[in-house]
């Protein structure tokens, strides 16, 4: 169960697309920093039956509190929950290119 962390906007980076290309059953996705812009990007709809998380503070700072309607569910989390996710998943892969 890999935790994939995307920190770049899908509008300026291929990080989300590359991440989803490596995504496997049982993996989870965490959007941080400019990755929060993915909440309104159609590529995110490709994540099916997998947990998707977003740092609430990062989403709020970018005006992205609500995911697009095409996304089933995104759990907004705080830093403490992020730490918990890191203890629950191995490996952890950061996508930032």
Protein backbone atom coordinates (compact mmCIF):
# COMPACT_ATOMS: atom_id res chain seq x y z
CA UNK A 1 0.00 0.00 0.00
CA UNK A 2 1.86 3.03 -1.31
CA UNK A 3 1.05 6.57 -0.24
CA UNK A 4 1.52 8.81 -3.27
CA UNK A 5 2.05 12.49 -2.41
CA UNK A 6 1.53 15.04 -5.20
CA UNK A 7 2.72 18.59 -4.49
CA UNK A 8 2.54 20.18 -7.95
CA UNK A 9 -0.41 21.57 -9.88
CA UNK A 10 -1.69 19.37 -12.72
CA UNK A 11 -1.94 22.58 -14.77
CA UNK A 12 1.85 23.15 -14.68
CA UNK A 13 3.35 19.72 -14.02
CA UNK A 14 3.02 16.11 -15.12
CA UNK A 15 3.36 14.86 -11.51
CA UNK A 16 -0.30 13.83 -11.10
CA UNK A 17 -0.42 12.09 -14.47
CA UNK A 18 2.80 10.19 -13.76
CA UNK A 19 1.58 9.31 -10.26
CA UNK A 20 -1.67 7.86 -11.58
CA UNK A 21 0.29 5.87 -14.15
CA UNK A 22 2.07 4.11 -11.29
CA UNK A 23 -1.02 3.79 -9.09
CA UNK A 24 -1.94 0.26 -7.97
CA UNK A 25 -4.84 -1.28 -6.12
CA UNK A 26 -4.59 -0.50 -2.41
CA UNK A 27 -2.64 2.73 -2.94
CA UNK A 28 -3.68 6.11 -1.56
CA UNK A 29 -3.23 9.65 -2.90
CA UNK A 30 -2.43 12.75 -0.85
CA UNK A 31 -2.55 16.20 -2.42
CA UNK A 32 -0.42 18.88 -0.78
CA UNK A 33 0.78 22.39 -1.63
CA UNK A 34 -0.09 23.21 -5.28
CA UNK A 35 -1.27 19.61 -5.70
CA UNK A 36 -4.52 20.86 -4.15
CA UNK A 37 -5.37 22.36 -7.55
CA UNK A 38 -5.98 18.77 -8.70
CA UNK A 39 -9.26 18.84 -6.77
CA UNK A 40 -10.80 20.56 -9.78
CA UNK A 41 -8.80 18.86 -12.51
CA UNK A 42 -10.47 16.12 -14.62
CA UNK A 43 -7.45 13.81 -14.32
CA UNK A 44 -8.28 13.20 -10.66
CA UNK A 45 -11.51 11.46 -11.71
CA UNK A 46 -9.31 8.56 -12.88
CA UNK A 47 -8.76 7.60 -9.24
CA UNK A 48 -11.36 4.90 -8.66
CA UNK A 49 -11.95 2.97 -5.44
CA UNK A 50 -8.91 4.48 -3.74
CA UNK A 51 -8.64 6.89 -0.85
CA UNK A 52 -7.84 10.47 -1.83
CA UNK A 53 -6.71 12.96 0.80
CA UNK A 54 -5.88 16.66 0.65
CA UNK A 55 -4.26 18.89 3.23
CA UNK A 56 -7.09 21.18 4.27
CA UNK A 57 -4.84 24.19 4.92
CA UNK A 58 -3.24 23.92 1.47
CA UNK A 59 -6.63 23.62 -0.25
CA UNK A 60 -8.00 26.61 1.70
CA UNK A 61 -4.95 28.73 0.88
CA UNK A 62 -5.59 28.08 -2.82
CA UNK A 63 -9.39 28.44 -2.77
CA UNK A 64 -9.85 24.73 -3.51
CA UNK A 65 -11.91 23.56 -0.53
CA UNK A 66 -14.49 21.72 -2.65
CA UNK A 67 -13.48 18.96 -5.07
CA UNK A 68 -15.08 18.78 -8.50
CA UNK A 69 -18.35 16.88 -8.77
CA UNK A 70 -16.62 14.11 -10.75
CA UNK A 71 -14.64 13.10 -7.67
CA UNK A 72 -16.41 10.59 -5.44
CA UNK A 73 -14.80 11.61 -2.18
CA UNK A 74 -11.81 13.48 -0.90
CA UNK A 75 -10.96 13.56 2.78
CA UNK A 76 -9.63 16.92 3.91
CA UNK A 77 -6.96 16.29 6.54
CA UNK A 78 -4.67 18.13 8.94
CA UNK A 79 -0.97 17.59 9.63
CA UNK A 80 -1.63 15.05 12.39
CA UNK A 81 -3.64 12.86 10.00
CA UNK A 82 -0.84 13.20 7.42
CA UNK A 83 1.62 11.79 9.94
CA UNK A 84 -0.80 8.94 10.65
CA UNK A 85 -1.07 8.15 6.93
CA UNK A 86 2.72 7.99 6.72
CA UNK A 87 2.77 5.38 9.49
CA UNK A 88 0.06 3.32 7.76
CA UNK A 89 1.63 3.19 4.28
CA UNK A 90 4.90 1.87 2.94
CA UNK A 91 6.48 2.97 0.72
CA UNK A 92 5.79 6.70 0.45
CA UNK A 93 6.43 8.26 -2.95
CA UNK A 94 6.56 12.03 -3.51
CA UNK A 95 5.70 13.32 -6.98
CA UNK A 96 7.00 16.82 -7.55
CA UNK A 97 8.29 17.06 -11.08
